[in-house]
N, C-alpha and C. Protein backbone atom coordinates (compact mmCIF):
# COMPACT_ATOMS: atom_id res chain seq x y z
N MET A 1 0.80 -1.09 -0.11
CA MET A 1 -0.32 0.03 0.21
C MET A 1 1.01 1.01 0.24
N ALA A 2 1.01 2.17 -0.87
CA ALA A 2 1.64 3.13 -1.07
C ALA A 2 1.16 4.32 -0.35
N LEU A 3 1.80 5.25 0.28
CA LEU A 3 1.29 6.23 1.12
C LEU A 3 0.79 7.45 0.19
N ARG A 4 -0.53 7.90 0.60
CA ARG A 4 -1.11 8.68 0.01
C ARG A 4 -0.86 10.01 0.66
N GLY A 5 -0.28 10.28 1.80
CA GLY A 5 -0.31 11.77 2.32
C GLY A 5 0.97 12.01 2.06
N ARG A 6 1.66 13.29 2.50
CA ARG A 6 2.91 13.86 2.52
C ARG A 6 3.65 13.73 3.86
N LEU A 7 5.12 13.64 3.75
CA LEU A 7 5.56 13.66 4.95
C LEU A 7 6.01 15.05 5.32
N PRO A 8 5.75 15.41 6.70
CA PRO A 8 5.87 16.77 7.20
C PRO A 8 7.47 17.39 6.47
N THR A 9 6.88 18.65 6.21
CA THR A 9 8.25 19.11 5.68
C THR A 9 9.56 19.19 6.95
N GLY A 10 10.55 18.60 5.56
CA GLY A 10 11.99 18.51 6.79
C GLY A 10 12.35 17.01 6.93
N THR A 11 11.37 16.06 6.89
CA THR A 11 11.68 14.85 7.51
C THR A 11 11.97 14.06 6.24
N VAL A 12 12.70 13.15 6.62
CA VAL A 12 13.36 12.27 5.84
C VAL A 12 13.20 10.87 5.91
N PRO A 13 12.26 9.95 4.96
CA PRO A 13 11.77 8.66 5.35
C PRO A 13 13.19 7.76 5.40
N ALA A 14 12.89 6.79 6.29
CA ALA A 14 14.07 5.73 7.01
C ALA A 14 14.67 5.15 5.74
N ALA A 15 13.99 4.80 4.93
CA ALA A 15 14.33 4.26 3.71
C ALA A 15 15.38 5.13 2.91
N LEU A 16 15.35 6.32 2.87
CA LEU A 16 15.85 7.26 2.26
C LEU A 16 17.18 7.47 2.99
N LEU A 17 17.26 7.40 4.39
CA LEU A 17 18.44 7.60 4.90
C LEU A 17 19.33 6.52 4.52
N LEU A 18 18.79 5.16 4.94
CA LEU A 18 19.48 3.98 4.59
C LEU A 18 20.21 4.06 2.87
N LEU A 19 19.42 4.54 2.27
CA LEU A 19 19.89 4.48 0.75
C LEU A 19 21.14 5.65 0.67
N MET A 20 21.07 6.59 1.30
CA MET A 20 21.72 7.96 1.43
C MET A 20 23.22 7.26 1.98
N VAL A 21 23.03 6.41 3.00
CA VAL A 21 24.05 5.91 3.50
C VAL A 21 25.06 4.43 2.63
N CYS A 22 24.11 3.72 2.10
CA CYS A 22 24.58 2.60 1.24
C CYS A 22 24.81 2.87 -0.18
N ARG A 23 23.87 3.74 -0.85
CA ARG A 23 24.18 3.99 -2.05
C ARG A 23 23.95 5.48 -2.18
N PRO A 24 24.93 6.56 -2.09
CA PRO A 24 24.51 7.68 -2.03
C PRO A 24 23.99 8.53 -3.77
N ASP A 25 24.58 7.63 -4.62
CA ASP A 25 24.27 8.05 -5.95
C ASP A 25 23.05 7.81 -6.35
N LEU A 26 22.23 6.70 -5.54
CA LEU A 26 20.68 6.70 -5.66
C LEU A 26 20.03 7.41 -4.92
N ALA A 27 20.50 7.59 -3.88
CA ALA A 27 19.77 8.42 -2.83
C ALA A 27 19.43 10.07 -3.72
N LEU A 28 20.53 10.65 -3.97
CA LEU A 28 20.35 11.51 -4.92
C LEU A 28 19.23 11.48 -5.92
N ALA A 29 19.33 10.77 -6.62
CA ALA A 29 18.31 10.28 -7.53
C ALA A 29 16.91 10.45 -7.01
N VAL A 30 16.98 9.58 -6.35
CA VAL A 30 15.45 9.31 -5.40
C VAL A 30 14.97 10.39 -4.68
N SER A 31 15.46 11.38 -4.10
CA SER A 31 15.21 12.35 -3.27
C SER A 31 14.70 13.58 -4.37
N ILE A 32 15.25 13.90 -5.31
CA ILE A 32 14.85 15.00 -6.11
C ILE A 32 13.62 14.60 -7.60
N LEU A 33 13.34 13.32 -7.48
CA LEU A 33 12.68 12.83 -8.36
C LEU A 33 10.95 12.75 -7.90
N PRO A 34 9.96 13.06 -8.72
CA PRO A 34 8.50 13.13 -8.03
C PRO A 34 8.38 11.57 -7.51
N PRO A 35 7.22 11.88 -6.48
CA PRO A 35 7.04 10.42 -6.20
C PRO A 35 5.99 9.76 -7.65
N VAL A 36 6.12 8.30 -6.96
CA VAL A 36 5.58 7.31 -7.85
C VAL A 36 4.49 6.45 -7.45
N GLN A 37 3.29 6.37 -7.61
CA GLN A 37 2.39 5.62 -7.17
C GLN A 37 2.05 4.64 -7.84
N ALA A 38 2.87 3.25 -7.70
CA ALA A 38 2.82 1.84 -8.55
C ALA A 38 1.56 1.29 -8.34
N ARG A 39 1.04 0.98 -9.22
CA ARG A 39 -0.22 -0.12 -9.15
C ARG A 39 0.17 -1.43 -9.18
N LEU A 40 0.43 -1.88 -7.84
CA LEU A 40 0.66 -3.10 -7.75
C LEU A 40 -0.49 -3.87 -6.82
N VAL A 41 -0.97 -4.50 -7.77
CA VAL A 41 -2.34 -5.17 -7.25
C VAL A 41 -2.17 -6.74 -6.70
N GLY A 42 -3.09 -7.03 -5.73
CA GLY A 42 -2.70 -8.97 -5.38
C GLY A 42 -1.98 -8.61 -4.26
N PRO A 43 -1.90 -9.97 -3.58
CA PRO A 43 -0.77 -9.92 -2.66
C PRO A 43 0.44 -9.39 -2.87
N TYR A 44 1.14 -8.70 -2.04
CA TYR A 44 2.57 -8.43 -2.32
C TYR A 44 3.29 -7.95 -1.25
N SER A 45 4.57 -7.78 -0.95
CA SER A 45 5.22 -7.01 0.20
C SER A 45 5.79 -5.73 0.37
N ARG A 46 5.70 -5.08 1.24
CA ARG A 46 6.02 -3.72 1.33
C ARG A 46 7.54 -3.74 0.49
N PHE A 47 8.34 -4.78 0.72
CA PHE A 47 9.54 -4.65 -0.30
C PHE A 47 9.71 -4.28 -1.52
N LEU A 48 8.74 -5.15 -2.21
CA LEU A 48 8.26 -5.51 -3.45
C LEU A 48 7.98 -4.09 -3.76
N LEU A 49 7.04 -3.39 -3.38
CA LEU A 49 6.15 -2.19 -3.59
C LEU A 49 7.38 -1.18 -3.80
N ARG A 50 8.40 -1.03 -2.61
CA ARG A 50 9.15 -0.12 -2.46
C ARG A 50 10.36 0.06 -3.68
N SER A 51 10.27 -0.95 -3.81
CA SER A 51 11.62 -1.35 -4.68
C SER A 51 10.93 -1.18 -6.29
N LEU A 52 9.58 -1.71 -6.42
CA LEU A 52 9.09 -1.17 -7.73
C LEU A 52 9.10 0.38 -7.90
N GLU A 53 8.83 1.16 -6.89
CA GLU A 53 8.41 2.62 -7.11
C GLU A 53 9.80 3.09 -7.13
N ILE A 54 11.18 2.82 -6.66
CA ILE A 54 12.30 3.30 -6.89
C ILE A 54 12.78 2.88 -8.66
N ALA A 55 12.39 1.71 -8.98
CA ALA A 55 12.74 1.13 -10.62
C ALA A 55 11.99 2.10 -11.49
N LEU A 56 10.49 2.35 -11.15
CA LEU A 56 9.65 3.20 -11.89
C LEU A 56 10.28 4.52 -11.87
N ARG A 57 10.48 4.97 -10.88
CA ARG A 57 10.80 6.53 -10.97
C ARG A 57 12.35 6.45 -11.63
N ARG A 58 13.48 5.52 -11.41
CA ARG A 58 14.27 5.60 -12.37
C ARG A 58 14.10 5.28 -13.80
N ALA A 59 13.04 4.44 -14.53
CA ALA A 59 12.71 4.23 -15.59
C ALA A 59 12.13 5.49 -16.20
N ALA A 60 11.18 6.05 -15.40
CA ALA A 60 10.44 7.64 -15.95
C ALA A 60 11.45 8.47 -16.07
N GLU A 61 12.48 8.53 -15.24
CA GLU A 61 13.38 9.58 -15.42
C GLU A 61 14.16 9.26 -16.86
N ARG A 62 14.94 8.14 -16.91
CA ARG A 62 15.24 7.83 -18.07
C ARG A 62 14.29 7.99 -19.62
N LEU A 63 13.09 7.88 -19.47
CA LEU A 63 12.23 8.12 -20.25
C LEU A 63 11.93 9.48 -20.89
N SER A 64 11.94 10.24 -19.75
CA SER A 64 12.02 11.92 -19.77
C SER A 64 13.07 12.53 -20.75
N ASP A 65 14.06 11.65 -21.23
CA ASP A 65 15.07 12.05 -22.15
C ASP A 65 14.64 11.70 -23.73
N GLU A 66 14.63 12.59 -24.87
CA GLU A 66 14.32 12.83 -26.06
C GLU A 66 14.86 11.24 -26.39
N ARG A 67 16.30 11.11 -26.21
CA ARG A 67 17.24 10.06 -26.80
C ARG A 67 16.59 8.66 -26.27
N CYS A 68 16.62 8.38 -25.69
CA CYS A 68 15.66 7.19 -24.71
C CYS A 68 14.30 7.16 -25.54
N ARG A 69 13.31 8.14 -25.41
CA ARG A 69 12.34 7.91 -25.85
C ARG A 69 11.98 7.82 -27.47
N SER A 70 13.04 8.11 -28.12
CA SER A 70 12.95 7.86 -29.46
C SER A 70 13.14 6.47 -29.95
N LEU A 71 13.28 5.40 -28.52
CA LEU A 71 13.37 4.01 -28.77
C LEU A 71 12.03 3.51 -29.63
N LEU A 72 11.15 4.05 -29.01
CA LEU A 72 9.62 3.66 -29.22
C LEU A 72 9.62 3.89 -30.75
N GLY A 73 10.23 4.63 -31.54
CA GLY A 73 10.09 4.99 -33.04
C GLY A 73 11.25 3.71 -33.59
N GLU A 74 11.73 3.14 -33.21
CA GLU A 74 12.68 1.92 -33.54
C GLU A 74 11.67 0.42 -33.82
N PHE A 75 11.03 0.53 -32.57
CA PHE A 75 10.30 -0.96 -32.57
C PHE A 75 8.72 -0.66 -33.16
N SER A 76 8.46 -1.83 -33.74
CA SER A 76 7.10 -2.07 -34.00
C SER A 76 6.34 -3.38 -33.46
N ASP A 77 5.19 -3.21 -33.58
CA ASP A 77 4.14 -4.43 -33.43
C ASP A 77 4.04 -5.16 -34.34
N PRO A 78 3.62 -6.30 -34.43
CA PRO A 78 3.73 -7.49 -35.26
C PRO A 78 2.83 -7.15 -36.83
N ALA A 79 1.79 -6.06 -36.72
CA ALA A 79 1.04 -5.72 -37.99
C ALA A 79 2.18 -4.37 -38.33
N GLY A 80 3.31 -4.05 -37.97
CA GLY A 80 4.46 -2.69 -38.51
C GLY A 80 4.01 -1.73 -37.54
N HIS A 81 3.31 -1.45 -37.01
CA HIS A 81 2.75 0.01 -36.52
C HIS A 81 4.03 0.10 -35.54
N ARG A 82 4.58 1.26 -35.58
CA ARG A 82 5.58 1.93 -34.77
C ARG A 82 5.14 1.96 -33.27
N LEU A 83 5.78 1.54 -32.11
CA LEU A 83 5.54 1.68 -30.48
C LEU A 83 5.06 3.17 -30.31
N SER A 84 5.67 4.14 -30.81
CA SER A 84 5.26 5.54 -30.56
C SER A 84 4.47 5.82 -30.94
N VAL A 85 3.65 4.94 -32.01
CA VAL A 85 2.08 5.57 -32.67
C VAL A 85 1.05 5.13 -31.50
N ALA A 86 1.63 3.74 -30.89
CA ALA A 86 0.72 3.29 -29.91
C ALA A 86 0.74 3.79 -28.65
N LEU A 87 1.82 4.57 -28.34
CA LEU A 87 2.11 5.16 -26.78
C LEU A 87 1.00 6.67 -27.21
N ALA A 88 1.22 7.22 -28.58
CA ALA A 88 0.75 8.59 -28.91
C ALA A 88 -0.95 7.85 -28.33
N GLY A 89 -1.37 7.32 -29.01
CA GLY A 89 -2.90 6.55 -28.58
C GLY A 89 -3.26 6.61 -27.37
N THR A 90 -2.70 6.30 -26.42
CA THR A 90 -2.77 6.46 -24.66
C THR A 90 -3.04 7.78 -24.36
N GLY A 91 -2.28 8.77 -25.04
CA GLY A 91 -2.57 10.31 -24.44
C GLY A 91 -1.78 10.43 -23.29
N GLN A 92 -0.93 9.71 -23.42
CA GLN A 92 0.33 9.61 -21.78
C GLN A 92 1.79 9.86 -22.20
N GLY A 93 2.64 10.55 -21.80
CA GLY A 93 3.84 10.58 -22.07
C GLY A 93 4.56 8.72 -21.50
N ALA A 94 5.55 8.83 -22.04
CA ALA A 94 6.06 7.51 -21.74
C ALA A 94 6.39 6.86 -20.37
N GLY A 95 6.73 8.20 -19.78
CA GLY A 95 7.05 7.74 -18.23
C GLY A 95 5.71 7.55 -17.28
N ASP A 96 4.49 8.36 -17.72
CA ASP A 96 3.32 8.31 -17.21
C ASP A 96 2.60 6.90 -17.49
N TYR A 97 2.87 6.72 -18.88
CA TYR A 97 2.58 5.30 -19.20
C TYR A 97 2.71 4.29 -18.56
N LEU A 98 4.12 4.25 -18.22
CA LEU A 98 4.84 3.16 -17.56
C LEU A 98 4.42 3.19 -16.12
N GLY A 99 4.23 4.04 -15.38
CA GLY A 99 3.71 4.14 -14.16
C GLY A 99 2.16 3.52 -13.92
N GLY A 100 1.59 3.89 -15.25
CA GLY A 100 0.35 3.47 -15.18
C GLY A 100 0.17 2.18 -15.22
N LEU A 101 0.92 1.35 -15.62
CA LEU A 101 0.77 -0.17 -15.98
C LEU A 101 0.23 -0.62 -14.76
N ILE A 102 -0.29 -2.00 -15.01
CA ILE A 102 -0.70 -2.83 -13.42
C ILE A 102 0.45 -3.86 -13.30
N PHE A 103 0.91 -3.85 -12.06
CA PHE A 103 2.26 -4.83 -11.81
C PHE A 103 1.33 -5.73 -10.80
N ARG A 104 1.88 -6.90 -10.84
CA ARG A 104 1.46 -8.00 -9.82
C ARG A 104 2.85 -9.00 -9.41
N ASP A 105 2.76 -9.64 -8.37
CA ASP A 105 3.86 -10.16 -7.85
C ASP A 105 3.60 -11.71 -8.28
N GLY A 106 4.54 -11.95 -9.91
CA GLY A 106 4.38 -13.06 -10.24
C GLY A 106 5.29 -14.06 -9.94
N ALA A 107 6.01 -14.17 -8.58
CA ALA A 107 7.15 -15.16 -8.39
C ALA A 107 6.51 -16.68 -8.62
N ASP A 108 5.14 -17.05 -8.77
CA ASP A 108 5.09 -18.26 -8.50
C ASP A 108 4.68 -18.53 -10.23
N SER A 109 4.77 -17.70 -10.68
CA SER A 109 4.39 -17.83 -12.13
C SER A 109 5.27 -18.85 -13.16
N GLN A 110 4.98 -19.35 -14.07
CA GLN A 110 6.17 -20.29 -14.71
C GLN A 110 7.38 -19.35 -15.49
N PRO A 111 7.24 -18.10 -15.84
CA PRO A 111 8.33 -17.50 -16.63
C PRO A 111 9.32 -17.50 -15.18
N CYS A 112 8.74 -16.90 -14.19
CA CYS A 112 9.68 -16.66 -13.02
C CYS A 112 10.24 -17.95 -12.38
N MET A 113 9.95 -18.98 -12.78
CA MET A 113 10.58 -20.10 -12.37
C MET A 113 12.15 -19.78 -12.97
N ASN A 114 12.42 -19.60 -14.16
CA ASN A 114 13.80 -19.31 -14.67
C ASN A 114 14.34 -18.17 -14.12
N GLU A 115 15.82 -18.71 -13.44
CA GLU A 115 16.12 -17.55 -12.24
C GLU A 115 16.79 -16.18 -12.77
N VAL A 116 16.87 -16.22 -14.38
CA VAL A 116 17.25 -15.13 -14.88
C VAL A 116 16.19 -14.09 -15.10
N VAL A 117 14.57 -14.39 -15.08
CA VAL A 117 14.03 -13.65 -15.26
C VAL A 117 13.42 -12.92 -13.87
N LEU A 118 13.57 -11.44 -14.24
CA LEU A 118 12.95 -10.14 -13.34
C LEU A 118 11.50 -9.95 -13.46
N ALA A 119 11.21 -10.11 -14.66
CA ALA A 119 9.61 -9.48 -14.76
C ALA A 119 9.41 -10.09 -16.13
N TRP A 120 7.92 -10.35 -16.35
CA TRP A 120 7.60 -10.35 -17.75
C TRP A 120 6.11 -10.09 -18.17
N THR A 121 5.73 -9.85 -19.26
CA THR A 121 4.04 -9.56 -19.65
C THR A 121 4.09 -10.17 -21.14
N SER A 122 2.97 -10.39 -21.44
CA SER A 122 2.61 -10.53 -22.89
C SER A 122 2.81 -9.24 -23.95
N PRO A 123 2.64 -9.62 -25.32
CA PRO A 123 2.66 -8.32 -25.82
C PRO A 123 0.97 -7.81 -25.99
N GLY A 124 1.18 -6.35 -25.80
CA GLY A 124 -0.50 -5.97 -25.55
C GLY A 124 -1.18 -5.93 -24.27
N SER A 125 -0.70 -6.67 -23.23
CA SER A 125 -1.19 -6.62 -21.88
C SER A 125 -0.61 -5.74 -21.18
N ARG A 126 -1.71 -5.02 -20.33
CA ARG A 126 -1.09 -3.79 -19.33
C ARG A 126 -0.76 -4.34 -18.12
N THR A 127 -0.70 -5.72 -18.09
CA THR A 127 -0.25 -6.25 -16.36
C THR A 127 1.15 -6.84 -16.92
N VAL A 128 2.12 -6.33 -15.81
CA VAL A 128 3.40 -6.75 -15.84
C VAL A 128 3.60 -7.55 -14.54
N TYR A 129 4.32 -8.97 -14.71
CA TYR A 129 4.34 -9.52 -13.66
C TYR A 129 5.94 -9.45 -13.12
N LEU A 130 5.96 -9.30 -11.85
CA LEU A 130 7.31 -9.20 -11.00
C LEU A 130 7.65 -10.12 -10.45
N CYS A 131 9.11 -10.87 -10.83
CA CYS A 131 9.33 -12.00 -9.97
C CYS A 131 9.79 -11.94 -8.58
N GLY A 132 8.78 -11.09 -7.69
CA GLY A 132 8.98 -11.04 -6.45
C GLY A 132 10.11 -10.91 -5.89
N VAL A 133 10.79 -11.38 -4.66
CA VAL A 133 11.85 -11.18 -3.87
C VAL A 133 12.98 -10.87 -4.99
N ARG A 134 13.25 -12.23 -6.29
CA ARG A 134 14.58 -11.56 -7.21
C ARG A 134 14.22 -10.24 -7.72
N PHE A 135 13.27 -9.73 -8.03
CA PHE A 135 12.99 -8.18 -8.59
C PHE A 135 13.45 -7.39 -7.86
N ALA A 136 12.68 -7.45 -6.39
CA ALA A 136 13.03 -6.76 -5.48
C ALA A 136 14.38 -6.32 -5.18
N VAL A 137 15.37 -7.59 -4.83
CA VAL A 137 16.56 -7.69 -4.47
C VAL A 137 17.42 -6.75 -5.70
N ALA A 138 17.11 -7.12 -6.69
CA ALA A 138 18.13 -6.93 -8.14
C ALA A 138 17.36 -5.35 -8.26
N ALA A 139 16.47 -4.88 -8.02
CA ALA A 139 16.17 -3.26 -7.79
C ALA A 139 16.99 -2.46 -7.04
N ARG A 140 17.25 -3.09 -5.52
CA ARG A 140 18.07 -2.50 -4.65
C ARG A 140 19.61 -2.50 -5.16
N ARG A 141 19.85 -3.52 -5.60
CA ARG A 141 21.43 -3.89 -6.27
C ARG A 141 21.38 -2.95 -7.41
N ASP A 142 20.91 -3.05 -8.36
CA ASP A 142 21.07 -2.20 -9.63
C ASP A 142 19.84 -1.62 -10.16
N ALA A 143 19.56 -0.48 -9.98
CA ALA A 143 18.36 0.45 -10.04
C ALA A 143 18.18 0.57 -11.76
N GLU A 144 19.42 0.80 -12.48
CA GLU A 144 19.97 0.90 -13.97
C GLU A 144 19.55 -0.27 -14.48
N LEU A 145 19.75 -1.36 -14.42
CA LEU A 145 19.38 -2.46 -15.09
C LEU A 145 17.84 -2.94 -14.82
N VAL A 146 17.18 -2.82 -13.50
CA VAL A 146 15.98 -2.76 -13.28
C VAL A 146 15.15 -1.93 -14.03
N ALA A 147 15.55 -0.81 -13.99
CA ALA A 147 14.78 0.46 -14.92
C ALA A 147 14.46 -0.29 -16.40
N THR A 148 15.62 -0.68 -16.64
CA THR A 148 16.06 -1.24 -18.26
C THR A 148 15.05 -2.23 -18.26
N ILE A 149 14.59 -2.98 -17.42
CA ILE A 149 13.92 -4.58 -17.49
C ILE A 149 12.21 -3.79 -17.57
N LEU A 150 12.34 -2.81 -16.82
CA LEU A 150 10.64 -2.27 -16.48
C LEU A 150 10.37 -1.50 -17.89
N ILE A 151 11.54 -0.70 -18.81
CA ILE A 151 11.19 -0.02 -20.07
C ILE A 151 10.84 -1.23 -21.48
N HIS A 152 11.75 -2.27 -20.83
CA HIS A 152 11.51 -3.38 -21.79
C HIS A 152 10.40 -3.92 -21.92
N GLU A 153 9.66 -4.36 -20.68
CA GLU A 153 8.56 -4.87 -20.19
C GLU A 153 7.33 -3.70 -20.55
N GLY A 154 7.78 -2.35 -20.82
CA GLY A 154 6.75 -1.74 -21.28
C GLY A 154 6.81 -1.60 -22.77
N LEU A 155 7.79 -1.64 -23.50
CA LEU A 155 7.57 -2.05 -25.06
C LEU A 155 6.21 -3.05 -25.33
N HIS A 156 6.84 -4.20 -24.45
CA HIS A 156 6.18 -5.14 -24.77
C HIS A 156 4.51 -5.23 -24.68
N THR A 157 4.46 -4.30 -23.48
CA THR A 157 2.82 -3.96 -23.19
C THR A 157 2.10 -2.93 -24.26
N LEU A 158 3.09 -2.25 -25.13
CA LEU A 158 2.62 -1.66 -26.33
C LEU A 158 2.85 -2.46 -27.51
N GLY A 159 3.00 -3.81 -27.37
CA GLY A 159 2.70 -4.69 -28.58
C GLY A 159 4.18 -4.94 -29.22
N LEU A 160 5.30 -4.89 -28.66
CA LEU A 160 6.43 -5.56 -29.49
C LEU A 160 6.36 -6.96 -28.85
N PRO A 161 6.53 -7.76 -30.02
CA PRO A 161 6.67 -9.32 -29.85
C PRO A 161 8.21 -9.29 -29.28
N GLU A 162 8.44 -10.72 -29.06
CA GLU A 162 9.69 -11.22 -28.61
C GLU A 162 10.31 -12.05 -29.47
N ASN A 163 11.39 -12.21 -30.14
CA ASN A 163 12.21 -13.42 -30.78
C ASN A 163 11.37 -13.53 -32.01
N PRO A 164 11.52 -12.47 -33.48
CA PRO A 164 12.67 -11.25 -32.80
C PRO A 164 11.75 -10.08 -32.46
N PRO A 165 12.59 -9.19 -31.85
CA PRO A 165 13.75 -9.10 -31.66
C PRO A 165 13.82 -9.79 -30.21
N SER A 166 15.34 -10.07 -30.08
CA SER A 166 15.61 -10.91 -28.79
C SER A 166 15.42 -10.29 -27.60
N SER A 167 15.41 -10.48 -26.46
CA SER A 167 15.56 -10.01 -25.16
C SER A 167 16.91 -9.35 -24.93
N VAL A 168 17.78 -9.89 -25.43
CA VAL A 168 19.29 -9.48 -25.16
C VAL A 168 19.17 -8.06 -26.22
N GLU A 169 18.55 -8.34 -27.56
CA GLU A 169 18.88 -6.96 -28.46
C GLU A 169 18.06 -6.05 -28.01
N ILE A 170 16.62 -6.19 -27.10
CA ILE A 170 15.80 -5.07 -26.96
C ILE A 170 16.65 -4.57 -25.74
N ASN A 171 17.21 -5.39 -24.68
CA ASN A 171 17.67 -4.58 -23.51
C ASN A 171 19.13 -3.88 -23.89
N ALA A 172 19.89 -4.49 -24.92
CA ALA A 172 21.00 -3.61 -25.33
C ALA A 172 20.52 -2.29 -26.24
N ARG A 173 19.42 -2.31 -26.85
CA ARG A 173 19.08 -1.10 -27.22
C ARG A 173 18.69 0.12 -26.32
N ILE A 174 18.00 -0.49 -25.21
CA ILE A 174 17.64 0.28 -24.10
C ILE A 174 18.60 0.77 -23.66
N ALA A 175 19.90 -0.02 -23.11
CA ALA A 175 20.95 0.50 -22.73
C ALA A 175 21.63 1.60 -23.18
N ARG A 176 21.86 1.20 -24.71
CA ARG A 176 22.58 2.15 -25.49
C ARG A 176 21.97 3.57 -25.37
N ARG A 177 20.32 3.81 -25.33
CA ARG A 177 19.84 4.60 -25.73
C ARG A 177 19.22 5.38 -24.27
N CYS A 178 18.99 4.79 -23.29
CA CYS A 178 18.70 5.13 -22.36
C CYS A 178 19.64 5.25 -20.77
N ARG A 179 20.50 4.44 -21.00
CA ARG A 179 21.44 4.72 -19.53
C ARG A 179 22.09 5.87 -19.82
N PRO A 180 22.46 6.46 -18.62
CA PRO A 180 23.33 7.91 -18.40
C PRO A 180 24.81 7.83 -19.23
């Protein structure tokens, strides 16, 4: 459950204090970015929710850059329509679209049985399944990698099939365009 209220001015959440000590590079980015209200539905842990919010914030930050957003014009759905057109049809910006997706803990799903999978979806679906604790731990250890994964899954929700292009190719193109 995400906090709906605001903290009193001048207070710092305990998680941010811990982040400032353990990962000051992430703490600065987290503290200056707008809050993200993730739509994680079904049973889930607070750890997963907070990890998702951090990763979504990072992915939205990446998608705010035109170079990263231009990726949507490079990929197409099976009918040949550019994903940028599909996104425009939603009336949302790339970061808002990604934040508006529905997320579920899919730790017990078949794709999550593969220990290299952190998240998955089906092309055209608005639901992204997160591989539970594995996703949450990865988000805390490497927010850039998990932001790449969320952008990758976001492309699938806009209709991008997999194989071709391969998952490795999609991630490589995201990394080239969207990593700082």
